[in-house]
C-alpha atoms as a PDB file:
ATOM      1  CA  MET A   1       0.267   0.048  -0.115  1.00  0.00           C
ATOM      2  CA  SER A   2       1.561   3.311  -1.013  1.00  0.00           C
ATOM      3  CA  ILE A   3       1.972   6.287   1.522  1.00  0.00           C
ATOM      4  CA  LYS A   4      -0.647   8.283   0.940  1.00  0.00           C
ATOM      5  CA  SER A   5      -3.103   5.510   0.534  1.00  0.00           C
ATOM      6  CA  THR A   6      -2.368   4.798   4.073  1.00  0.00           C
ATOM      7  CA  PHE A   7      -2.389   8.173   5.191  1.00  0.00           C
ATOM      8  CA  CYS A   8      -6.413   8.113   3.694  1.00  0.00           C
ATOM      9  CA  LEU A   9      -7.069   5.295   5.140  1.00  0.00           C
ATOM     10  CA  PHE A  10      -6.309   6.249   8.632  1.00  0.00           C
ATOM     11  CA  LEU A  11      -7.708   9.476   8.023  1.00  0.00           C
ATOM     12  CA  THR A  12     -10.629   8.295   6.791  1.00  0.00           C
ATOM     13  CA  ILE A  13     -10.801   6.287   9.843  1.00  0.00           C
ATOM     14  CA  ILE A  14     -10.628   8.969  12.131  1.00  0.00           C
ATOM     15  CA  LEU A  15     -12.733  11.582  10.404  1.00  0.00           C
ATOM     16  CA  SER A  16     -15.705   8.596  10.106  1.00  0.00           C
ATOM     17  CA  MET A  17     -15.506   9.281  14.106  1.00  0.00           C
ATOM     18  CA  ALA A  18     -17.072  12.196  14.126  1.00  0.00           C
ATOM     19  CA  ASP A  19     -20.445  11.098  12.631  1.00  0.00           C
ATOM     20  CA  PHE A  20     -19.860   7.456  14.234  1.00  0.00           C
ATOM     21  CA  ALA A  21     -22.851   6.430  16.392  1.00  0.00           C
ATOM     22  CA  PRO A  22     -22.064   2.733  17.721  1.00  0.00           C
ATOM     23  CA  ALA A  23     -24.864   1.037  19.187  1.00  0.00           C
ATOM     24  CA  HIS A  24     -22.958   0.730  22.533  1.00  0.00           C
ATOM     25  CA  ALA A  25     -20.354   3.248  23.625  1.00  0.00           C
ATOM     26  CA  GLY A  26     -17.611   2.398  26.225  1.00  0.00           C
ATOM     27  CA  THR A  27     -17.708   4.196  30.074  1.00  0.00           C
ATOM     28  CA  ILE A  28     -15.033   6.349  31.317  1.00  0.00           C
ATOM     29  CA  LEU A  29     -14.249   6.677  34.942  1.00  0.00           C
ATOM     30  CA  GLU A  30     -11.941   9.017  36.694  1.00  0.00           C
ATOM     31  CA  ARG A  31     -10.269   8.980  40.231  1.00  0.00           C
ATOM     32  CA  ASP A  32      -7.284   9.440  42.141  1.00  0.00           C
ATOM     33  CA  PHE A  33      -5.077   6.559  43.585  1.00  0.00           C
ATOM     34  CA  PRO A  34      -2.945   6.990  46.074  1.00  0.00           C
ATOM     35  CA  SER A  35       0.467   5.860  45.971  1.00  0.00           C
ATOM     36  CA  VAL A  36       3.550   4.985  48.256  1.00  0.00           C
ATOM     37  CA  SER A  37       6.001   4.417  45.487  1.00  0.00           C
ATOM     38  CA  LEU A  38       5.171   7.664  43.934  1.00  0.00           C
ATOM     39  CA  GLY A  39       4.568   9.719  46.945  1.00  0.00           C
ATOM     40  CA  GLY A  40       1.164  10.729  46.346  1.00  0.00           C
ATOM     41  CA  ASN A  41      -2.066  10.724  44.708  1.00  0.00           C
ATOM     42  CA  ARG A  42      -2.238   9.912  41.126  1.00  0.00           C
ATOM     43  CA  ARG A  43      -5.183  10.436  38.782  1.00  0.00           C
ATOM     44  CA  LEU A  44      -6.994   7.377  36.917  1.00  0.00           C
ATOM     45  CA  ARG A  45      -8.975   7.351  33.831  1.00  0.00           C
ATOM     46  CA  VAL A  46     -10.682   3.695  32.976  1.00  0.00           C
ATOM     47  CA  TYR A  47     -12.389   3.155  30.065  1.00  0.00           C
ATOM     48  CA  LEU A  48     -14.678   0.075  30.140  1.00  0.00           C
ATOM     49  CA  PRO A  49     -15.301  -1.301  26.729  1.00  0.00           C
ATOM     50  CA  PRO A  50     -18.913  -1.375  25.049  1.00  0.00           C
ATOM     51  CA  GLY A  51     -20.818  -4.167  26.981  1.00  0.00           C
ATOM     52  CA  TYR A  52     -18.878  -5.005  30.283  1.00  0.00           C
ATOM     53  CA  SER A  53     -21.814  -4.274  31.827  1.00  0.00           C
ATOM     54  CA  GLU A  54     -23.630  -7.419  30.605  1.00  0.00           C
ATOM     55  CA  GLY A  55     -22.792 -10.729  31.637  1.00  0.00           C
ATOM     56  CA  ASP A  56     -19.629 -11.663  33.328  1.00  0.00           C
ATOM     57  CA  ARG A  57     -17.276 -11.843  30.298  1.00  0.00           C
ATOM     58  CA  ARG A  58     -13.375 -10.717  31.420  1.00  0.00           C
ATOM     59  CA  PHE A  59     -11.326  -8.266  29.201  1.00  0.00           C
ATOM     60  CA  PRO A  60      -7.509  -7.586  28.553  1.00  0.00           C
ATOM     61  CA  VAL A  61      -6.001  -4.367  29.724  1.00  0.00           C
ATOM     62  CA  LEU A  62      -4.358  -1.573  28.100  1.00  0.00           C
ATOM     63  CA  TYR A  63      -1.974   0.493  30.404  1.00  0.00           C
ATOM     64  CA  LEU A  64      -1.724   4.161  29.104  1.00  0.00           C
ATOM     65  CA  HIS A  65       0.548   6.749  29.836  1.00  0.00           C
ATOM     66  CA  ASP A  66      -0.081  10.432  29.649  1.00  0.00           C
ATOM     67  CA  GLY A  67      -3.870   9.531  30.547  1.00  0.00           C
ATOM     68  CA  GLN A  68      -4.776  13.092  30.862  1.00  0.00           C
ATOM     69  CA  ASN A  69      -4.248  13.320  26.856  1.00  0.00           C
ATOM     70  CA  VAL A  70      -5.693   9.885  25.677  1.00  0.00           C
ATOM     71  CA  PHE A  71      -8.791  10.341  26.180  1.00  0.00           C
ATOM     72  CA  SER A  72     -11.822  12.466  24.420  1.00  0.00           C
ATOM     73  CA  THR A  73     -13.166  13.505  27.937  1.00  0.00           C
ATOM     74  CA  ALA A  74      -9.689  16.090  28.219  1.00  0.00           C
ATOM     75  CA  GLY A  75     -11.110  18.426  25.601  1.00  0.00           C
ATOM     76  CA  PRO A  76     -10.029  19.625  21.892  1.00  0.00           C
ATOM     77  CA  TYR A  77      -7.302  21.874  23.382  1.00  0.00           C
ATOM     78  CA  ILE A  78      -5.049  19.691  26.044  1.00  0.00           C
ATOM     79  CA  ALA A  79      -1.644  18.993  25.351  1.00  0.00           C
ATOM     80  CA  PHE A  80      -0.425  22.827  24.298  1.00  0.00           C
ATOM     81  CA  GLY A  81      -3.603  23.112  22.108  1.00  0.00           C
ATOM     82  CA  TRP A  82      -2.523  19.696  20.201  1.00  0.00           C
ATOM     83  CA  GLY A  83      -5.464  17.942  21.499  1.00  0.00           C
ATOM     84  CA  ASN A  84      -6.505  14.862  23.146  1.00  0.00           C
ATOM     85  CA  TRP A  85      -5.790  11.034  21.036  1.00  0.00           C
ATOM     86  CA  ASN A  86      -9.585  10.246  21.267  1.00  0.00           C
ATOM     87  CA  LEU A  87      -8.464   7.103  21.836  1.00  0.00           C
ATOM     88  CA  ASP A  88     -11.932   6.190  23.704  1.00  0.00           C
ATOM     89  CA  LYS A  89     -14.136   6.827  20.572  1.00  0.00           C
ATOM     90  CA  THR A  90     -11.215   5.443  18.400  1.00  0.00           C
ATOM     91  CA  ALA A  91     -11.564   2.143  20.438  1.00  0.00           C
ATOM     92  CA  ASP A  92     -15.526   2.450  20.482  1.00  0.00           C
ATOM     93  CA  GLU A  93     -15.460   2.255  16.532  1.00  0.00           C
ATOM     94  CA  LEU A  94     -12.605  -0.739  16.325  1.00  0.00           C
ATOM     95  CA  ILE A  95     -14.671  -2.906  18.735  1.00  0.00           C
ATOM     96  CA  ASP A  96     -17.835  -2.040  17.132  1.00  0.00           C
ATOM     97  CA  LYS A  97     -16.298  -2.993  13.448  1.00  0.00           C
ATOM     98  CA  LYS A  98     -14.710  -6.205  15.042  1.00  0.00           C
ATOM     99  CA  LYS A  99     -11.394  -4.488  14.182  1.00  0.00           C
ATOM    100  CA  THR A 100     -10.547  -5.559  17.503  1.00  0.00           C
ATOM    101  CA  ALA A 101     -11.130  -7.633  20.502  1.00  0.00           C
ATOM    102  CA  PRO A 102     -13.058  -5.433  23.475  1.00  0.00           C
ATOM    103  CA  PHE A 103     -10.462  -4.425  26.101  1.00  0.00           C
ATOM    104  CA  ILE A 104     -10.466  -2.155  28.888  1.00  0.00           C
ATOM    105  CA  MET A 105      -7.834   0.665  29.178  1.00  0.00           C
ATOM    106  CA  VAL A 106      -6.388   2.263  32.080  1.00  0.00           C
ATOM    107  CA  ALA A 107      -4.683   5.762  31.810  1.00  0.00           C
ATOM    108  CA  ILE A 108      -2.489   6.860  34.479  1.00  0.00           C
ATOM    109  CA  ASP A 109      -2.028  10.939  34.357  1.00  0.00           C
ATOM    110  CA  CYS A 110       2.002  11.933  34.002  1.00  0.00           C
ATOM    111  CA  GLY A 111       3.316  13.152  37.505  1.00  0.00           C
ATOM    112  CA  LYS A 112       6.039  16.467  37.952  1.00  0.00           C
ATOM    113  CA  ASP A 113       8.844  14.030  37.253  1.00  0.00           C
ATOM    114  CA  ARG A 114       7.654  12.633  33.934  1.00  0.00           C
ATOM    115  CA  TYR A 115      11.165  12.589  32.602  1.00  0.00           C
ATOM    116  CA  THR A 116      12.621  10.499  35.155  1.00  0.00           C
ATOM    117  CA  GLU A 117       9.477   8.251  35.729  1.00  0.00           C
ATOM    118  CA  TYR A 118       9.587   7.405  31.977  1.00  0.00           C
ATOM    119  CA  LEU A 119      12.833   7.202  30.874  1.00  0.00           C
ATOM    120  CA  GLY A 120      13.564   3.428  31.079  1.00  0.00           C
ATOM    121  CA  THR A 121      16.290   1.708  32.850  1.00  0.00           C
ATOM    122  CA  SER A 122      18.892   3.460  33.666  1.00  0.00           C
ATOM    123  CA  THR A 123      22.423   3.502  35.702  1.00  0.00           C
ATOM    124  CA  ASN A 124      20.416   4.151  38.796  1.00  0.00           C
ATOM    125  CA  ARG A 125      18.361   1.141  39.857  1.00  0.00           C
ATOM    126  CA  ASN A 126      16.868   3.456  43.087  1.00  0.00           C
ATOM    127  CA  SER A 127      15.073   5.768  40.089  1.00  0.00           C
ATOM    128  CA  ARG A 128      11.701   7.297  39.736  1.00  0.00           C
ATOM    129  CA  PHE A 129      11.592   4.623  36.945  1.00  0.00           C
ATOM    130  CA  ASP A 130      11.713   1.896  39.346  1.00  0.00           C
ATOM    131  CA  LYS A 131       9.163   3.635  41.839  1.00  0.00           C
ATOM    132  CA  TYR A 132       7.135   4.116  38.835  1.00  0.00           C
ATOM    133  CA  ALA A 133       6.901   0.563  37.707  1.00  0.00           C
ATOM    134  CA  LYS A 134       6.804  -0.854  41.378  1.00  0.00           C
ATOM    135  CA  PHE A 135       3.350   1.482  41.399  1.00  0.00           C
ATOM    136  CA  LEU A 136       2.150   0.101  38.006  1.00  0.00           C
ATOM    137  CA  ILE A 137       2.758  -3.634  39.047  1.00  0.00           C
ATOM    138  CA  GLU A 138       2.721  -3.572  43.122  1.00  0.00           C
ATOM    139  CA  GLU A 139       0.176  -0.892  43.741  1.00  0.00           C
ATOM    140  CA  LEU A 140      -2.358  -0.048  40.520  1.00  0.00           C
ATOM    141  CA  LYS A 141      -2.681  -3.552  38.846  1.00  0.00           C
ATOM    142  CA  PRO A 142      -3.596  -5.650  41.707  1.00  0.00           C
ATOM    143  CA  VAL A 143      -6.365  -3.361  42.494  1.00  0.00           C
ATOM    144  CA  ILE A 144      -7.507  -2.964  38.959  1.00  0.00           C
ATOM    145  CA  ASP A 145      -7.616  -6.805  38.535  1.00  0.00           C
ATOM    146  CA  LYS A 146      -9.552  -7.086  42.052  1.00  0.00           C
ATOM    147  CA  GLU A 147     -12.293  -4.198  41.029  1.00  0.00           C
ATOM    148  CA  TYR A 148     -12.853  -4.825  37.466  1.00  0.00           C
ATOM    149  CA  ARG A 149     -13.138  -8.078  35.262  1.00  0.00           C
ATOM    150  CA  THR A 150      -9.655  -8.704  33.656  1.00  0.00           C
ATOM    151  CA  LEU A 151      -7.629 -10.863  32.166  1.00  0.00           C
ATOM    152  CA  ALA A 152      -4.769 -10.807  34.655  1.00  0.00           C
ATOM    153  CA  ASP A 153      -2.030 -12.855  32.948  1.00  0.00           C
ATOM    154  CA  PRO A 154       0.812 -11.252  30.958  1.00  0.00           C
ATOM    155  CA  LYS A 155      -0.831 -12.138  27.662  1.00  0.00           C
ATOM    156  CA  ASN A 156      -3.640 -10.046  27.886  1.00  0.00           C
ATOM    157  CA  THR A 157      -1.848  -6.990  29.651  1.00  0.00           C
ATOM    158  CA  LYS A 158      -0.345  -4.347  27.466  1.00  0.00           C
ATOM    159  CA  VAL A 159       1.388  -0.960  27.878  1.00  0.00           C
ATOM    160  CA  MET A 160       1.000   1.957  25.793  1.00  0.00           C
ATOM    161  CA  GLY A 161       2.637   5.526  25.291  1.00  0.00           C
ATOM    162  CA  SER A 162       4.434   8.107  23.242  1.00  0.00           C
ATOM    163  CA  SER A 163       7.792   9.999  23.358  1.00  0.00           C
ATOM    164  CA  MET A 164       9.039   9.457  26.503  1.00  0.00           C
ATOM    165  CA  GLY A 165       6.230   7.463  27.278  1.00  0.00           C
ATOM    166  CA  GLY A 166       7.121   5.319  24.398  1.00  0.00           C
ATOM    167  CA  ILE A 167      10.537   4.093  25.677  1.00  0.00           C
ATOM    168  CA  SER A 168       8.619   3.925  28.995  1.00  0.00           C
ATOM    169  CA  SER A 169       6.512   0.968  27.931  1.00  0.00           C
ATOM    170  CA  LEU A 170       9.239  -1.016  25.698  1.00  0.00           C
ATOM    171  CA  ALA A 171      11.172  -0.609  28.924  1.00  0.00           C
ATOM    172  CA  LEU A 172       8.488  -2.316  31.294  1.00  0.00           C
ATOM    173  CA  ALA A 173       7.727  -4.568  29.303  1.00  0.00           C
ATOM    174  CA  TRP A 174      11.069  -5.711  28.589  1.00  0.00           C
ATOM    175  CA  GLU A 175      12.017  -5.634  32.400  1.00  0.00           C
ATOM    176  CA  HIS A 176       8.756  -7.295  33.432  1.00  0.00           C
ATOM    177  CA  ARG A 177       7.640  -9.909  31.545  1.00  0.00           C
ATOM    178  CA  ASP A 178       6.154 -11.639  33.781  1.00  0.00           C
ATOM    179  CA  ILE A 179       3.491  -8.632  33.954  1.00  0.00           C
ATOM    180  CA  PHE A 180       3.326  -6.933  30.551  1.00  0.00           C
ATOM    181  CA  GLY A 181       3.054  -9.005  27.707  1.00  0.00           C
ATOM    182  CA  GLY A 182       3.029  -6.281  25.096  1.00  0.00           C
ATOM    183  CA  ALA A 183       4.343  -2.750  24.327  1.00  0.00           C
ATOM    184  CA  ALA A 184       3.515   0.067  21.834  1.00  0.00           C
ATOM    185  CA  SER A 185       5.653   3.070  21.391  1.00  0.00           C
ATOM    186  CA  LEU A 186       4.606   5.856  19.348  1.00  0.00           C
ATOM    187  CA  SER A 187       7.876   8.563  18.178  1.00  0.00           C
ATOM    188  CA  GLY A 188       9.734   6.798  21.460  1.00  0.00           C
ATOM    189  CA  ALA A 189      11.964   8.748  22.761  1.00  0.00           C
ATOM    190  CA  TYR A 190      15.226   6.302  22.734  1.00  0.00           C
ATOM    191  CA  GLN A 191      17.782   9.462  22.414  1.00  0.00           C
ATOM    192  CA  VAL A 192      17.424  10.018  26.143  1.00  0.00           C
ATOM    193  CA  GLU A 193      20.334   9.235  28.758  1.00  0.00           C
ATOM    194  CA  LYS A 194      22.879   8.889  26.135  1.00  0.00           C
ATOM    195  CA  ARG A 195      20.588   6.117  24.363  1.00  0.00           C
ATOM    196  CA  TYR A 196      21.297   4.158  27.350  1.00  0.00           C
ATOM    197  CA  PHE A 197      18.182   1.541  26.581  1.00  0.00           C
ATOM    198  CA  LEU A 198      19.294   1.352  23.046  1.00  0.00           C
ATOM    199  CA  ASP A 199      22.919   1.021  23.525  1.00  0.00           C
ATOM    200  CA  MET A 200      23.111  -0.782  27.277  1.00  0.00           C
ATOM    201  CA  VAL A 201      20.266  -2.839  27.720  1.00  0.00           C
ATOM    202  CA  LEU A 202      19.172  -3.749  24.246  1.00  0.00           C
ATOM    203  CA  LYS A 203      22.281  -3.994  21.946  1.00  0.00           C
ATOM    204  CA  PRO A 204      23.988  -6.435  24.175  1.00  0.00           C
ATOM    205  CA  THR A 205      21.440  -9.126  24.335  1.00  0.00           C
ATOM    206  CA  ASP A 206      21.983 -11.787  22.222  1.00  0.00           C
ATOM    207  CA  LYS A 207      19.170 -14.158  23.346  1.00  0.00           C
ATOM    208  CA  PRO A 208      15.501 -13.082  22.798  1.00  0.00           C
ATOM    209  CA  GLY A 209      14.182 -14.679  26.221  1.00  0.00           C
ATOM    210  CA  ILE A 210      10.215 -14.592  26.275  1.00  0.00           C
ATOM    211  CA  THR A 211       9.244 -12.938  22.898  1.00  0.00           C
ATOM    212  CA  PHE A 212       5.751 -10.224  23.146  1.00  0.00           C
ATOM    213  CA  PRO A 213       3.704  -8.268  20.563  1.00  0.00           C
ATOM    214  CA  ILE A 214       5.808  -4.803  20.439  1.00  0.00           C
ATOM    215  CA  TYR A 215       4.629  -2.115  17.899  1.00  0.00           C
ATOM    216  CA  LEU A 216       7.267   0.329  17.626  1.00  0.00           C
ATOM    217  CA  ASP A 217       6.601   4.069  14.991  1.00  0.00           C
ATOM    218  CA  SER A 218       7.870   7.262  13.940  1.00  0.00           C
ATOM    219  CA  GLY A 219       7.044   9.737  11.953  1.00  0.00           C
ATOM    220  CA  VAL A 220      10.422  11.633   9.887  1.00  0.00           C
ATOM    221  CA  MET A 221      10.671  15.438  11.537  1.00  0.00           C
ATOM    222  CA  ASP A 222      10.288  17.095  14.955  1.00  0.00           C
ATOM    223  CA  TYR A 223       9.756  20.541  16.470  1.00  0.00           C
ATOM    224  CA  SER A 224      13.719  20.311  17.441  1.00  0.00           C
ATOM    225  CA  GLY A 225      14.612  19.902  13.811  1.00  0.00           C
ATOM    226  CA  GLY A 226      15.293  16.240  14.277  1.00  0.00           C
ATOM    227  CA  ASP A 227      13.238  12.862  12.660  1.00  0.00           C
ATOM    228  CA  ASP A 228      10.997  12.216  15.070  1.00  0.00           C
ATOM    229  CA  GLY A 229      12.847   9.486  16.593  1.00  0.00           C
ATOM    230  CA  ARG A 230      12.988   7.312  13.247  1.00  0.00           C
ATOM    231  CA  THR A 231      16.974   6.693  13.395  1.00  0.00           C
ATOM    232  CA  ASN A 232      17.238   5.358  16.959  1.00  0.00           C
ATOM    233  CA  THR A 233      13.161   3.312  16.623  1.00  0.00           C
ATOM    234  CA  PHE A 234      14.446   2.049  13.720  1.00  0.00           C
ATOM    235  CA  ALA A 235      18.100   0.465  15.455  1.00  0.00           C
ATOM    236  CA  VAL A 236      15.500  -0.877  18.018  1.00  0.00           C
ATOM    237  CA  TYR A 237      13.477  -2.777  15.513  1.00  0.00           C
ATOM    238  CA  THR A 238      16.734  -3.850  13.404  1.00  0.00           C
ATOM    239  CA  LYS A 239      18.052  -4.975  17.405  1.00  0.00           C
ATOM    240  CA  LEU A 240      14.917  -7.099  17.848  1.00  0.00           C
ATOM    241  CA  LYS A 241      15.115  -8.396  14.108  1.00  0.00           C
ATOM    242  CA  SER A 242      18.610  -9.980  14.706  1.00  0.00           C
ATOM    243  CA  LEU A 243      17.366 -11.661  17.869  1.00  0.00           C
ATOM    244  CA  GLY A 244      15.271 -13.452  15.673  1.00  0.00           C
ATOM    245  CA  TRP A 245      11.824 -11.985  17.256  1.00  0.00           C
ATOM    246  CA  PRO A 246       8.441 -13.982  15.850  1.00  0.00           C
ATOM    247  CA  GLU A 247       7.616 -11.541  12.522  1.00  0.00           C
ATOM    248  CA  LYS A 248       4.204 -12.099  13.398  1.00  0.00           C
ATOM    249  CA  GLN A 249       4.955 -10.277  17.338  1.00  0.00           C
ATOM    250  CA  LEU A 250       6.961  -7.192  15.687  1.00  0.00           C
ATOM    251  CA  SER A 251       5.074  -4.228  13.543  1.00  0.00           C
ATOM    252  CA  TYR A 252       7.189  -1.065  12.996  1.00  0.00           C
ATOM    253  CA  TYR A 253       5.459   1.845  10.701  1.00  0.00           C
ATOM    254  CA  VAL A 254       7.197   5.270   9.654  1.00  0.00           C
ATOM    255  CA  ASP A 255       4.950   7.878   9.083  1.00  0.00           C
ATOM    256  CA  GLU A 256       6.797   9.319   6.017  1.00  0.00           C
ATOM    257  CA  LYS A 257       4.500  12.448   5.074  1.00  0.00           C
ATOM    258  CA  PRO A 258       2.845  15.062   7.317  1.00  0.00           C
ATOM    259  CA  ALA A 259      -0.420  16.036   6.898  1.00  0.00           C
ATOM    260  CA  THR A 260      -1.356  18.341   4.426  1.00  0.00           C
ATOM    261  CA  GLU A 261      -2.958  21.777   6.067  1.00  0.00           C
ATOM    262  CA  GLU A 262      -6.294  20.564   4.140  1.00  0.00           C
ATOM    263  CA  GLU A 263      -5.819  17.079   5.514  1.00  0.00           C
ATOM    264  CA  MET A 264      -5.365  19.080   9.291  1.00  0.00           C
ATOM    265  CA  MET A 265      -8.655  21.241   8.528  1.00  0.00           C
ATOM    266  CA  ALA A 266     -10.704  17.796   7.930  1.00  0.00           C
ATOM    267  CA  ALA A 267      -9.146  16.308  10.996  1.00  0.00           C
ATOM    268  CA  GLY A 268     -10.122  19.347  13.179  1.00  0.00           C
ATOM    269  CA  LEU A 269      -6.447  20.667  13.940  1.00  0.00           C
ATOM    270  CA  PRO A 270      -7.164  24.360  15.097  1.00  0.00           C
ATOM    271  CA  GLU A 271      -5.705  26.749  12.694  1.00  0.00           C
ATOM    272  CA  ASN A 272      -3.512  28.015  14.925  1.00  0.00           C
ATOM    273  CA  LYS A 273      -1.177  24.654  15.324  1.00  0.00           C
ATOM    274  CA  ARG A 274      -1.261  23.665  11.369  1.00  0.00           C
ATOM    275  CA  LYS A 275       1.892  25.422  10.301  1.00  0.00           C
ATOM    276  CA  GLU A 276       3.778  23.374  13.020  1.00  0.00           C
ATOM    277  CA  ALA A 277       1.972  20.426  12.202  1.00  0.00           C
ATOM    278  CA  LEU A 278       4.033  20.770   8.690  1.00  0.00           C
ATOM    279  CA  THR A 279       7.535  20.392  10.350  1.00  0.00           C
ATOM    280  CA  SER A 280       6.505  18.096  13.478  1.00  0.00           C
ATOM    281  CA  GLN A 281       4.917  14.709  14.073  1.00  0.00           C
ATOM    282  CA  HIS A 282       6.138  14.707  17.537  1.00  0.00           C
ATOM    283  CA  ASN A 283       2.575  15.726  18.737  1.00  0.00           C
ATOM    284  CA  GLU A 284      -0.889  14.055  20.058  1.00  0.00           C
ATOM    285  CA  PHE A 285      -2.650  15.128  16.725  1.00  0.00           C
ATOM    286  CA  TYR A 286      -0.519  12.603  14.802  1.00  0.00           C
ATOM    287  CA  TRP A 287      -0.682  10.269  17.558  1.00  0.00           C
ATOM    288  CA  LYS A 288      -4.261  10.145  17.316  1.00  0.00           C
ATOM    289  CA  LEU A 289      -4.385   9.723  13.736  1.00  0.00           C
ATOM    290  CA  ARG A 290      -1.799   6.250  14.309  1.00  0.00           C
ATOM    291  CA  SER A 291      -3.427   5.283  17.754  1.00  0.00           C
ATOM    292  CA  TRP A 292      -5.450   2.329  15.450  1.00  0.00           C
ATOM    293  CA  ARG A 293      -2.641   1.336  14.381  1.00  0.00           C
ATOM    294  CA  PRO A 294      -1.331  -0.305  17.639  1.00  0.00           C
ATOM    295  CA  LEU A 295      -4.676  -1.012  18.845  1.00  0.00           C
ATOM    296  CA  THR A 296      -5.676  -3.514  16.149  1.00  0.00           C
ATOM    297  CA  PHE A 297      -1.881  -4.885  16.821  1.00  0.00           C
ATOM    298  CA  LEU A 298      -2.185  -5.608  20.729  1.00  0.00           C
ATOM    299  CA  PHE A 299      -5.474  -6.669  20.254  1.00  0.00           C
ATOM    300  CA  PRO A 300      -6.692  -8.496  17.339  1.00  0.00           C
ATOM    301  CA  PRO A 301     -10.062  -9.708  17.095  1.00  0.00           C
END
């Protein structure tokens, strides 16, 4: 499929949501969650899929970083005007059209220490990342599994994020395969800490160990004049391939062509953000457009 055809496909999916009215829509619940590991409360947003209230079926779970940005309830002007991911509406449509299996989403707001919580493995083993992992694994997940009808095994527990949340997602699944059985990284920030995760964790690995589904993507340009992490994301992909990572468990996508102004207007991007969007794909607008890809990969029907 050509780049133009691919863009048209996912733009069509996103645009169709404006008029999409599924017979049943998911439900979003909000709450504050106290954490000893993080030293305070953290805001949660839990998406329950259509049909959750009917019967006793159990569902897989997707944990999401930067939870304040991902659902439509955040409004159209969140994230410095880029808007939200509209992930609940995307999931509603994908589930309704049987492009994915139904799944629960648990979105966790970022904290003031976002960088250190999300940076992944580092030389400091008493890092905020370790505390964030402990919060997810020992505090949050047991409560989610107790209060909601989840499928709690690793195969049905996935994690996803963008930028710093992208590297965090892969690092969490890489280090805790007994908990997280899948990861999605959108425009992952693999350059942080002098590429520590890539050069000091992935590259020295010579045996894959337990494999799991991994989704990787990037654009080709960002606000800093860089490539939206394309080079480093490709290096991650190449290393996984060299390890013999199963083809069916590895998805890699490059969004090579930024949206045109006409496409941005059609997708609802505010006029004052369109010029910047022509030169940067490292933002919620593009992650919203690409979000159907990891969802269909991680939760196939």
